[in-house]
Amino acid sequence: MLYIVKYEGPFGFIKPWTAVRDEVTFSQQFLTPSTIEGMRQKLEVEKILRHKLTYKTLSQQQEVTQTRAWEIKKKEKSMMRPTAILKRSVLVEPTLYLAFETMEDAQKASKQHLCLCRNEDVVLPDVMINEMSDKEFDQIEGFELRFGKQEHSFLVGYNRFKNNQAMYGWLEVSNHPLKNHEEI
């Protein structure tokens, strides 16, 4: 049996593992193992068994960044850091489902907010905890990155909690993964 806590918010930003290429890959549709581990640590729970993420739409944002390297201009006797513009997406009306092994962990999680990646992008828990089987969890609409290396896995980033070890997974998409908000 899984114990499920549902989180929702008006918007959320997940730092894409592809960073610059996110406008091409839309990697914000899934959470990497290191993002889940960060959530586990924040919630102070033993383990997050599974997760599902859904949202209404993506809103593309532009962000000005600076390179790490300095450009030295000898004639002007100056140093500067060049800038670039990145396009990243913000999830509009995200819903995140986290599955826990114990009711104790679910209760602990249901009393805390989460930041998907940036502190201003908060999702709040629903106080009701649902119990369901793995098969029932499979039917929740959304995107889930299943962790591990298998024949159909792809590289999803590097785990900062494990000496930048390569992380692999495969994406499972359940039913209609984007929220349907038709007015009745």
C-alpha atoms as a PDB file:
ATOM      1  CA  MET A   1       0.000   0.000   0.000  1.00  0.00           C
ATOM      2  CA  LEU A   2       1.225   3.513  -0.867  1.00  0.00           C
ATOM      3  CA  TYR A   3       0.390   6.641   1.136  1.00  0.00           C
ATOM      4  CA  ILE A   4      -0.116   9.596  -1.211  1.00  0.00           C
ATOM      5  CA  VAL A   5       0.253  13.319  -0.494  1.00  0.00           C
ATOM      6  CA  LYS A   6      -0.937  15.767  -3.151  1.00  0.00           C
ATOM      7  CA  TYR A   7       0.744  19.185  -3.535  1.00  0.00           C
ATOM      8  CA  GLU A   8      -0.587  22.081  -5.611  1.00  0.00           C
ATOM      9  CA  GLY A   9       0.309  25.674  -6.360  1.00  0.00           C
ATOM     10  CA  PRO A  10      -0.380  28.461  -8.858  1.00  0.00           C
ATOM     11  CA  PHE A  11       2.993  28.100 -10.578  1.00  0.00           C
ATOM     12  CA  GLY A  12       6.286  26.293 -10.248  1.00  0.00           C
ATOM     13  CA  PHE A  13       9.739  26.275 -11.715  1.00  0.00           C
ATOM     14  CA  ILE A  14      11.785  23.100 -11.954  1.00  0.00           C
ATOM     15  CA  LYS A  15      15.404  23.721 -12.835  1.00  0.00           C
ATOM     16  CA  PRO A  16      15.806  21.682 -16.005  1.00  0.00           C
ATOM     17  CA  TRP A  17      18.786  19.363 -16.164  1.00  0.00           C
ATOM     18  CA  THR A  18      19.269  20.469 -19.757  1.00  0.00           C
ATOM     19  CA  ALA A  19      19.499  24.134 -18.686  1.00  0.00           C
ATOM     20  CA  VAL A  20      20.196  25.945 -21.963  1.00  0.00           C
ATOM     21  CA  ARG A  21      18.433  23.367 -24.163  1.00  0.00           C
ATOM     22  CA  ASP A  22      15.194  23.270 -22.158  1.00  0.00           C
ATOM     23  CA  GLU A  23      13.307  25.197 -24.832  1.00  0.00           C
ATOM     24  CA  VAL A  24      13.945  22.196 -27.098  1.00  0.00           C
ATOM     25  CA  THR A  25      13.642  19.238 -24.700  1.00  0.00           C
ATOM     26  CA  PHE A  26      10.989  20.449 -22.197  1.00  0.00           C
ATOM     27  CA  SER A  27      12.711  18.465 -19.442  1.00  0.00           C
ATOM     28  CA  GLN A  28      10.598  20.190 -16.810  1.00  0.00           C
ATOM     29  CA  GLN A  29       7.949  17.541 -17.295  1.00  0.00           C
ATOM     30  CA  PHE A  30       9.797  15.223 -14.933  1.00  0.00           C
ATOM     31  CA  LEU A  31      11.728  15.311 -11.672  1.00  0.00           C
ATOM     32  CA  THR A  32      15.263  13.927 -11.580  1.00  0.00           C
ATOM     33  CA  PRO A  33      16.475  11.591  -8.821  1.00  0.00           C
ATOM     34  CA  SER A  34      18.465  14.420  -7.216  1.00  0.00           C
ATOM     35  CA  THR A  35      15.390  16.690  -7.149  1.00  0.00           C
ATOM     36  CA  ILE A  36      13.395  13.923  -5.432  1.00  0.00           C
ATOM     37  CA  GLU A  37      16.282  13.386  -3.003  1.00  0.00           C
ATOM     38  CA  GLY A  38      16.305  17.101  -2.198  1.00  0.00           C
ATOM     39  CA  MET A  39      12.570  16.918  -1.472  1.00  0.00           C
ATOM     40  CA  ARG A  40      13.113  13.844   0.708  1.00  0.00           C
ATOM     41  CA  GLN A  41      15.745  15.668   2.724  1.00  0.00           C
ATOM     42  CA  LYS A  42      13.583  18.792   3.083  1.00  0.00           C
ATOM     43  CA  LEU A  43      10.588  16.735   4.234  1.00  0.00           C
ATOM     44  CA  GLU A  44      12.820  14.646   6.552  1.00  0.00           C
ATOM     45  CA  VAL A  45      11.208  11.368   5.472  1.00  0.00           C
ATOM     46  CA  GLU A  46      12.754   7.939   4.957  1.00  0.00           C
ATOM     47  CA  LYS A  47      11.910   7.506   1.288  1.00  0.00           C
ATOM     48  CA  ILE A  48       9.771   8.874  -1.543  1.00  0.00           C
ATOM     49  CA  LEU A  49       8.755   5.768  -3.444  1.00  0.00           C
ATOM     50  CA  ARG A  50       7.122   7.352  -6.493  1.00  0.00           C
ATOM     51  CA  HIS A  51       5.887  10.672  -7.837  1.00  0.00           C
ATOM     52  CA  LYS A  52       3.614  12.075 -10.536  1.00  0.00           C
ATOM     53  CA  LEU A  53       3.661  15.587 -11.937  1.00  0.00           C
ATOM     54  CA  THR A  54       0.991  17.314 -13.977  1.00  0.00           C
ATOM     55  CA  TYR A  55       0.303  20.942 -14.887  1.00  0.00           C
ATOM     56  CA  LYS A  56      -1.996  23.103 -16.972  1.00  0.00           C
ATOM     57  CA  THR A  57       0.561  24.589 -19.361  1.00  0.00           C
ATOM     58  CA  LEU A  58       4.123  25.895 -19.621  1.00  0.00           C
ATOM     59  CA  SER A  59       4.826  29.623 -19.627  1.00  0.00           C
ATOM     60  CA  GLN A  60       8.145  30.407 -21.264  1.00  0.00           C
ATOM     61  CA  GLN A  61      10.300  32.918 -19.390  1.00  0.00           C
ATOM     62  CA  GLN A  62      13.459  34.690 -20.403  1.00  0.00           C
ATOM     63  CA  GLU A  63      16.318  34.954 -17.965  1.00  0.00           C
ATOM     64  CA  VAL A  64      19.557  36.914 -18.272  1.00  0.00           C
ATOM     65  CA  THR A  65      22.589  34.983 -17.062  1.00  0.00           C
ATOM     66  CA  GLN A  66      26.283  35.692 -16.804  1.00  0.00           C
ATOM     67  CA  THR A  67      29.036  33.309 -17.801  1.00  0.00           C
ATOM     68  CA  ARG A  68      31.447  32.050 -15.157  1.00  0.00           C
ATOM     69  CA  ALA A  69      34.464  33.242 -17.142  1.00  0.00           C
ATOM     70  CA  TRP A  70      35.733  36.801 -17.202  1.00  0.00           C
ATOM     71  CA  GLU A  71      36.547  38.623 -20.419  1.00  0.00           C
ATOM     72  CA  ILE A  72      39.642  40.815 -20.110  1.00  0.00           C
ATOM     73  CA  LYS A  73      39.728  43.970 -22.236  1.00  0.00           C
ATOM     74  CA  LYS A  74      43.300  45.224 -22.126  1.00  0.00           C
ATOM     75  CA  LYS A  75      42.731  48.421 -24.109  1.00  0.00           C
ATOM     76  CA  GLU A  76      39.874  49.542 -21.840  1.00  0.00           C
ATOM     77  CA  LYS A  77      41.665  48.153 -18.778  1.00  0.00           C
ATOM     78  CA  SER A  78      38.551  46.361 -17.687  1.00  0.00           C
ATOM     79  CA  MET A  79      37.132  42.955 -16.992  1.00  0.00           C
ATOM     80  CA  MET A  80      33.581  41.907 -17.673  1.00  0.00           C
ATOM     81  CA  ARG A  81      31.395  38.827 -17.638  1.00  0.00           C
ATOM     82  CA  PRO A  82      29.383  38.375 -20.838  1.00  0.00           C
ATOM     83  CA  THR A  83      25.645  37.831 -20.540  1.00  0.00           C
ATOM     84  CA  ALA A  84      23.290  35.531 -22.366  1.00  0.00           C
ATOM     85  CA  ILE A  85      19.530  35.095 -22.481  1.00  0.00           C
ATOM     86  CA  LEU A  86      18.077  31.694 -21.607  1.00  0.00           C
ATOM     87  CA  LYS A  87      14.514  30.618 -22.210  1.00  0.00           C
ATOM     88  CA  ARG A  88      13.085  28.423 -19.471  1.00  0.00           C
ATOM     89  CA  SER A  89       9.573  27.413 -18.654  1.00  0.00           C
ATOM     90  CA  VAL A  90       7.408  27.837 -15.587  1.00  0.00           C
ATOM     91  CA  LEU A  91       4.734  25.220 -14.863  1.00  0.00           C
ATOM     92  CA  VAL A  92       1.303  26.832 -14.551  1.00  0.00           C
ATOM     93  CA  GLU A  93      -0.905  25.206 -11.890  1.00  0.00           C
ATOM     94  CA  PRO A  94       1.378  22.241 -11.107  1.00  0.00           C
ATOM     95  CA  THR A  95       0.127  19.262  -9.115  1.00  0.00           C
ATOM     96  CA  LEU A  96       2.641  16.886  -7.583  1.00  0.00           C
ATOM     97  CA  TYR A  97       1.761  13.526  -6.040  1.00  0.00           C
ATOM     98  CA  LEU A  98       4.320  11.909  -3.737  1.00  0.00           C
ATOM     99  CA  ALA A  99       4.005   8.268  -2.665  1.00  0.00           C
ATOM    100  CA  PHE A 100       5.367   7.146   0.700  1.00  0.00           C
ATOM    101  CA  GLU A 101       5.925   3.726   2.220  1.00  0.00           C
ATOM    102  CA  THR A 102       4.598   4.632   5.679  1.00  0.00           C
ATOM    103  CA  MET A 103       1.693   6.662   7.019  1.00  0.00           C
ATOM    104  CA  GLU A 104       4.160   8.395   9.367  1.00  0.00           C
ATOM    105  CA  ASP A 105       6.187   9.773   6.446  1.00  0.00           C
ATOM    106  CA  ALA A 106       3.016  10.827   4.615  1.00  0.00           C
ATOM    107  CA  GLN A 107       1.716  12.642   7.705  1.00  0.00           C
ATOM    108  CA  LYS A 108       5.046  14.424   8.122  1.00  0.00           C
ATOM    109  CA  ALA A 109       5.014  15.460   4.445  1.00  0.00           C
ATOM    110  CA  SER A 110       1.378  16.601   4.543  1.00  0.00           C
ATOM    111  CA  LYS A 111       2.280  19.308   7.077  1.00  0.00           C
ATOM    112  CA  GLN A 112       5.024  20.939   4.981  1.00  0.00           C
ATOM    113  CA  HIS A 113       5.249  22.973   1.799  1.00  0.00           C
ATOM    114  CA  LEU A 114       7.664  22.160  -0.998  1.00  0.00           C
ATOM    115  CA  CYS A 115       9.639  24.304  -3.400  1.00  0.00           C
ATOM    116  CA  LEU A 116       9.982  22.566  -6.736  1.00  0.00           C
ATOM    117  CA  CYS A 117      13.375  24.236  -7.211  1.00  0.00           C
ATOM    118  CA  ARG A 118      13.265  27.938  -6.478  1.00  0.00           C
ATOM    119  CA  ASN A 119      12.131  29.258  -3.119  1.00  0.00           C
ATOM    120  CA  GLU A 120       9.418  31.492  -4.549  1.00  0.00           C
ATOM    121  CA  ASP A 121       7.708  28.603  -6.353  1.00  0.00           C
ATOM    122  CA  VAL A 122       5.871  26.925  -3.483  1.00  0.00           C
ATOM    123  CA  VAL A 123       3.414  24.034  -3.696  1.00  0.00           C
ATOM    124  CA  LEU A 124       1.207  23.369  -0.685  1.00  0.00           C
ATOM    125  CA  PRO A 125       0.010  19.972   0.568  1.00  0.00           C
ATOM    126  CA  ASP A 126      -3.528  18.697   0.724  1.00  0.00           C
ATOM    127  CA  VAL A 127      -4.040  17.537   4.319  1.00  0.00           C
ATOM    128  CA  MET A 128      -5.907  14.422   3.189  1.00  0.00           C
ATOM    129  CA  ILE A 129      -3.664  11.394   2.714  1.00  0.00           C
ATOM    130  CA  ASN A 130      -4.855   8.779   0.215  1.00  0.00           C
ATOM    131  CA  GLU A 131      -4.013   5.094   0.353  1.00  0.00           C
ATOM    132  CA  MET A 132      -3.680   3.223  -2.917  1.00  0.00           C
ATOM    133  CA  SER A 133      -1.903   0.356  -4.613  1.00  0.00           C
ATOM    134  CA  ASP A 134       0.869   0.697  -7.188  1.00  0.00           C
ATOM    135  CA  LYS A 135      -1.665  -0.086  -9.938  1.00  0.00           C
ATOM    136  CA  GLU A 136      -3.993   2.666  -8.705  1.00  0.00           C
ATOM    137  CA  PHE A 137      -1.053   5.092  -8.547  1.00  0.00           C
ATOM    138  CA  ASP A 138      -0.219   4.174 -12.161  1.00  0.00           C
ATOM    139  CA  GLN A 139      -3.650   5.558 -13.172  1.00  0.00           C
ATOM    140  CA  ILE A 140      -3.019   9.059 -11.759  1.00  0.00           C
ATOM    141  CA  GLU A 141      -2.607  11.387 -14.715  1.00  0.00           C
ATOM    142  CA  GLY A 142       0.832  12.880 -15.125  1.00  0.00           C
ATOM    143  CA  PHE A 143       4.504  12.402 -15.883  1.00  0.00           C
ATOM    144  CA  GLU A 144       6.731  10.139 -13.817  1.00  0.00           C
ATOM    145  CA  LEU A 145      10.410   9.541 -14.325  1.00  0.00           C
ATOM    146  CA  ARG A 146      11.086   5.998 -13.137  1.00  0.00           C
ATOM    147  CA  PHE A 147      14.623   5.721 -11.859  1.00  0.00           C
ATOM    148  CA  GLY A 148      17.202   3.178 -12.980  1.00  0.00           C
ATOM    149  CA  LYS A 149      19.168   2.014 -15.963  1.00  0.00           C
ATOM    150  CA  GLN A 150      17.312  -0.290 -18.339  1.00  0.00           C
ATOM    151  CA  GLU A 151      17.211  -0.861 -22.071  1.00  0.00           C
ATOM    152  CA  HIS A 152      14.931   2.153 -22.684  1.00  0.00           C
ATOM    153  CA  SER A 153      16.529   4.490 -20.085  1.00  0.00           C
ATOM    154  CA  PHE A 154      18.165   7.796 -20.938  1.00  0.00           C
ATOM    155  CA  LEU A 155      20.610  10.047 -19.098  1.00  0.00           C
ATOM    156  CA  VAL A 156      18.683  12.506 -16.898  1.00  0.00           C
ATOM    157  CA  GLY A 157      21.549  14.336 -15.238  1.00  0.00           C
ATOM    158  CA  TYR A 158      24.182  13.910 -12.570  1.00  0.00           C
ATOM    159  CA  ASN A 159      23.432  13.252  -8.900  1.00  0.00           C
ATOM    160  CA  ARG A 160      24.971  15.992  -6.781  1.00  0.00           C
ATOM    161  CA  PHE A 161      24.302  13.877  -3.669  1.00  0.00           C
ATOM    162  CA  LYS A 162      26.438  10.982  -5.009  1.00  0.00           C
ATOM    163  CA  ASN A 163      29.630  12.550  -6.404  1.00  0.00           C
ATOM    164  CA  ASN A 164      27.949  13.603  -9.658  1.00  0.00           C
ATOM    165  CA  GLN A 165      27.152   9.997 -10.562  1.00  0.00           C
ATOM    166  CA  ALA A 166      25.228   9.643 -13.837  1.00  0.00           C
ATOM    167  CA  MET A 167      21.456   9.227 -13.334  1.00  0.00           C
ATOM    168  CA  TYR A 168      19.219   7.281 -15.696  1.00  0.00           C
ATOM    169  CA  GLY A 169      15.497   6.802 -15.991  1.00  0.00           C
ATOM    170  CA  TRP A 170      12.574   6.321 -18.321  1.00  0.00           C
ATOM    171  CA  LEU A 171       9.521   8.495 -18.640  1.00  0.00           C
ATOM    172  CA  GLU A 172       6.060   7.065 -18.015  1.00  0.00           C
ATOM    173  CA  VAL A 173       3.145   9.175 -19.169  1.00  0.00           C
ATOM    174  CA  SER A 174      -0.234   8.281 -17.662  1.00  0.00           C
ATOM    175  CA  ASN A 175      -3.536   8.919 -19.415  1.00  0.00           C
ATOM    176  CA  HIS A 176      -3.834  12.658 -20.194  1.00  0.00           C
ATOM    177  CA  PRO A 177      -0.804  14.172 -18.431  1.00  0.00           C
ATOM    178  CA  LEU A 178      -1.810  17.809 -18.884  1.00  0.00           C
ATOM    179  CA  LYS A 179      -4.667  19.182 -16.800  1.00  0.00           C
ATOM    180  CA  ASN A 180      -7.961  19.594 -18.573  1.00  0.00           C
ATOM    181  CA  HIS A 181      -9.549  22.868 -17.412  1.00  0.00           C
ATOM    182  CA  GLU A 182     -12.645  23.121 -19.556  1.00  0.00           C
ATOM    183  CA  GLU A 183     -15.265  25.398 -18.060  1.00  0.00           C
ATOM    184  CA  ILE A 184     -18.575  23.673 -17.348  1.00  0.00           C
END
